[in-house]
Amino acid sequence: MNQYSGTQKKSPRRPHAEDGKFMPDYAGETKRLRSMRLTDTAWELLAEIAEKNHITRTEVIELFARGEDLY
């Protein structure tokens, strides 16, 4: 599996504005670049969850933190 595979498939649920830019997901709250350290196991598990939900690893973390259900 490609270590960057989470960045190749974008979430199909994000709408685009007329100018082609993504519209904010969370009531206009913009995302900022963060950094965290994870084990290889955690990274792969995030990839599995992301694939099942057709979203990115980043979105898995965001939804988990907001208390959303994932499968």
N, C-alpha and C. Protein backbone atom coordinates (compact mmCIF):
# COMPACT_ATOMS: atom_id res chain seq x y z
N MET A 1 0.85 -1.19 0.00
CA MET A 1 0.00 0.00 0.00
C MET A 1 0.89 1.24 0.00
N ASN A 2 0.54 2.20 -0.80
CA ASN A 2 1.27 3.46 -0.88
C ASN A 2 1.06 4.27 0.39
N GLN A 3 2.15 4.75 0.99
CA GLN A 3 2.03 5.49 2.24
C GLN A 3 1.27 6.79 2.09
N TYR A 4 1.12 7.27 0.87
CA TYR A 4 0.40 8.51 0.63
C TYR A 4 -0.99 8.27 0.02
N SER A 5 -1.48 7.05 0.12
CA SER A 5 -2.74 6.72 -0.54
C SER A 5 -3.91 7.54 0.00
N GLY A 6 -3.84 8.00 1.25
CA GLY A 6 -4.92 8.80 1.82
C GLY A 6 -5.07 10.14 1.13
N THR A 7 -4.02 10.60 0.45
CA THR A 7 -4.10 11.89 -0.23
C THR A 7 -4.54 11.74 -1.68
N GLN A 8 -4.62 10.53 -2.20
CA GLN A 8 -4.99 10.33 -3.59
C GLN A 8 -6.49 10.32 -3.80
N LYS A 9 -7.25 9.90 -2.81
CA LYS A 9 -8.70 9.84 -2.93
C LYS A 9 -9.31 10.94 -2.08
N LYS A 10 -9.91 11.89 -2.70
CA LYS A 10 -10.52 13.00 -1.97
C LYS A 10 -11.96 12.67 -1.63
N SER A 11 -12.41 13.24 -0.55
CA SER A 11 -13.78 13.01 -0.10
C SER A 11 -14.77 13.55 -1.14
N PRO A 12 -15.68 12.70 -1.62
CA PRO A 12 -16.63 13.16 -2.63
C PRO A 12 -17.72 14.06 -2.06
N ARG A 13 -17.83 14.17 -0.74
CA ARG A 13 -18.92 14.94 -0.15
C ARG A 13 -18.64 16.42 -0.07
N ARG A 14 -17.40 16.85 -0.29
CA ARG A 14 -17.08 18.28 -0.16
C ARG A 14 -17.54 19.04 -1.39
N PRO A 15 -18.47 19.97 -1.20
CA PRO A 15 -18.94 20.77 -2.34
C PRO A 15 -17.93 21.83 -2.75
N HIS A 16 -18.01 22.23 -4.00
CA HIS A 16 -17.14 23.28 -4.54
C HIS A 16 -17.95 24.55 -4.76
N ALA A 17 -17.30 25.67 -4.54
CA ALA A 17 -17.91 26.96 -4.85
C ALA A 17 -17.83 27.18 -6.37
N GLU A 18 -18.47 28.21 -6.86
CA GLU A 18 -18.46 28.49 -8.30
C GLU A 18 -17.06 28.77 -8.84
N ASP A 19 -16.17 29.27 -7.96
CA ASP A 19 -14.80 29.55 -8.40
C ASP A 19 -13.92 28.30 -8.37
N GLY A 20 -14.50 27.13 -8.01
CA GLY A 20 -13.76 25.88 -8.02
C GLY A 20 -13.12 25.51 -6.71
N LYS A 21 -13.10 26.44 -5.76
CA LYS A 21 -12.48 26.16 -4.46
C LYS A 21 -13.44 25.33 -3.60
N PHE A 22 -12.84 24.55 -2.69
CA PHE A 22 -13.67 23.79 -1.76
C PHE A 22 -14.41 24.73 -0.83
N MET A 23 -15.64 24.38 -0.51
CA MET A 23 -16.41 25.13 0.48
C MET A 23 -16.07 24.55 1.85
N PRO A 24 -16.05 25.37 2.89
CA PRO A 24 -15.72 24.87 4.23
C PRO A 24 -16.67 23.78 4.68
N ASP A 25 -16.11 22.77 5.37
CA ASP A 25 -16.91 21.66 5.88
C ASP A 25 -17.65 21.99 7.17
N TYR A 26 -17.07 22.83 7.98
CA TYR A 26 -17.55 22.99 9.35
C TYR A 26 -17.90 24.44 9.66
N ALA A 27 -19.03 24.87 9.16
CA ALA A 27 -19.58 26.20 9.43
C ALA A 27 -18.55 27.32 9.26
N GLY A 28 -17.80 27.25 8.19
CA GLY A 28 -16.84 28.30 7.90
C GLY A 28 -15.54 28.20 8.68
N GLU A 29 -15.42 27.22 9.54
CA GLU A 29 -14.20 27.04 10.31
C GLU A 29 -13.13 26.43 9.39
N THR A 30 -12.02 27.12 9.22
CA THR A 30 -10.98 26.61 8.34
C THR A 30 -10.04 25.68 9.08
N LYS A 31 -9.47 24.76 8.34
CA LYS A 31 -8.51 23.82 8.92
C LYS A 31 -7.12 24.41 8.85
N ARG A 32 -6.30 24.05 9.83
CA ARG A 32 -4.90 24.49 9.88
C ARG A 32 -4.01 23.27 9.88
N LEU A 33 -2.81 23.42 9.36
CA LEU A 33 -1.85 22.35 9.33
C LEU A 33 -1.42 22.00 10.75
N ARG A 34 -1.48 20.71 11.10
CA ARG A 34 -1.08 20.22 12.42
C ARG A 34 -0.07 19.10 12.21
N SER A 35 0.56 18.73 13.28
CA SER A 35 1.53 17.63 13.23
C SER A 35 1.29 16.70 14.40
N MET A 36 1.39 15.40 14.15
CA MET A 36 1.26 14.42 15.23
C MET A 36 2.08 13.18 14.88
N ARG A 37 2.46 12.46 15.89
CA ARG A 37 3.22 11.23 15.69
C ARG A 37 2.31 10.05 15.95
N LEU A 38 2.35 9.07 15.04
CA LEU A 38 1.53 7.87 15.16
C LEU A 38 2.39 6.64 14.86
N THR A 39 2.01 5.52 15.45
CA THR A 39 2.68 4.27 15.10
C THR A 39 2.24 3.86 13.70
N ASP A 40 2.99 2.96 13.09
CA ASP A 40 2.60 2.44 11.78
C ASP A 40 1.24 1.75 11.86
N THR A 41 0.99 1.06 12.97
CA THR A 41 -0.29 0.37 13.15
C THR A 41 -1.44 1.37 13.14
N ALA A 42 -1.31 2.45 13.90
CA ALA A 42 -2.37 3.47 13.94
C ALA A 42 -2.58 4.08 12.56
N TRP A 43 -1.49 4.33 11.84
CA TRP A 43 -1.57 4.93 10.51
C TRP A 43 -2.34 4.03 9.55
N GLU A 44 -2.05 2.73 9.60
CA GLU A 44 -2.73 1.78 8.73
C GLU A 44 -4.20 1.61 9.13
N LEU A 45 -4.48 1.62 10.43
CA LEU A 45 -5.88 1.53 10.88
C LEU A 45 -6.67 2.75 10.44
N LEU A 46 -6.06 3.93 10.51
CA LEU A 46 -6.72 5.14 10.00
C LEU A 46 -7.02 5.00 8.51
N ALA A 47 -6.08 4.41 7.77
CA ALA A 47 -6.28 4.21 6.34
C ALA A 47 -7.46 3.27 6.08
N GLU A 48 -7.58 2.21 6.86
CA GLU A 48 -8.69 1.27 6.70
C GLU A 48 -10.03 1.93 6.99
N ILE A 49 -10.09 2.69 8.07
CA ILE A 49 -11.32 3.39 8.42
C ILE A 49 -11.67 4.40 7.34
N ALA A 50 -10.67 5.13 6.87
CA ALA A 50 -10.89 6.13 5.82
C ALA A 50 -11.42 5.49 4.55
N GLU A 51 -10.84 4.37 4.16
CA GLU A 51 -11.28 3.69 2.94
C GLU A 51 -12.73 3.21 3.07
N LYS A 52 -13.07 2.64 4.21
CA LYS A 52 -14.44 2.16 4.43
C LYS A 52 -15.46 3.29 4.36
N ASN A 53 -15.06 4.48 4.79
CA ASN A 53 -15.96 5.64 4.83
C ASN A 53 -15.80 6.56 3.62
N HIS A 54 -14.89 6.22 2.70
CA HIS A 54 -14.63 7.01 1.49
C HIS A 54 -14.23 8.44 1.83
N ILE A 55 -13.35 8.57 2.81
CA ILE A 55 -12.82 9.87 3.22
C ILE A 55 -11.32 9.74 3.44
N THR A 56 -10.67 10.83 3.80
CA THR A 56 -9.23 10.81 4.07
C THR A 56 -8.96 10.51 5.54
N ARG A 57 -7.72 10.19 5.84
CA ARG A 57 -7.31 9.97 7.23
C ARG A 57 -7.57 11.22 8.07
N THR A 58 -7.29 12.36 7.51
CA THR A 58 -7.51 13.62 8.22
C THR A 58 -8.97 13.78 8.62
N GLU A 59 -9.85 13.43 7.68
CA GLU A 59 -11.28 13.55 7.96
C GLU A 59 -11.71 12.55 9.03
N VAL A 60 -11.09 11.36 9.06
CA VAL A 60 -11.38 10.38 10.11
C VAL A 60 -11.10 10.99 11.48
N ILE A 61 -9.95 11.62 11.62
CA ILE A 61 -9.56 12.23 12.89
C ILE A 61 -10.53 13.36 13.25
N GLU A 62 -10.87 14.20 12.27
CA GLU A 62 -11.79 15.31 12.50
C GLU A 62 -13.15 14.80 12.99
N LEU A 63 -13.70 13.81 12.31
CA LEU A 63 -15.02 13.28 12.67
C LEU A 63 -14.98 12.58 14.03
N PHE A 64 -13.91 11.84 14.29
CA PHE A 64 -13.76 11.18 15.59
C PHE A 64 -13.76 12.22 16.72
N ALA A 65 -12.99 13.29 16.53
CA ALA A 65 -12.90 14.33 17.55
C ALA A 65 -14.25 15.02 17.78
N ARG A 66 -15.07 15.08 16.74
CA ARG A 66 -16.39 15.72 16.84
C ARG A 66 -17.49 14.75 17.29
N GLY A 67 -17.10 13.49 17.57
CA GLY A 67 -18.06 12.52 18.09
C GLY A 67 -18.96 11.90 17.03
N GLU A 68 -18.57 11.98 15.76
CA GLU A 68 -19.37 11.39 14.68
C GLU A 68 -19.16 9.89 14.63
N ASP A 69 -20.14 9.19 14.10
CA ASP A 69 -20.04 7.74 13.93
C ASP A 69 -19.32 7.40 12.64
N LEU A 70 -18.40 6.48 12.73
CA LEU A 70 -17.70 5.95 11.56
C LEU A 70 -17.84 4.44 11.57
N TYR A 71 -17.77 3.81 10.43
CA TYR A 71 -17.80 2.36 10.37
C TYR A 71 -16.57 1.82 9.75
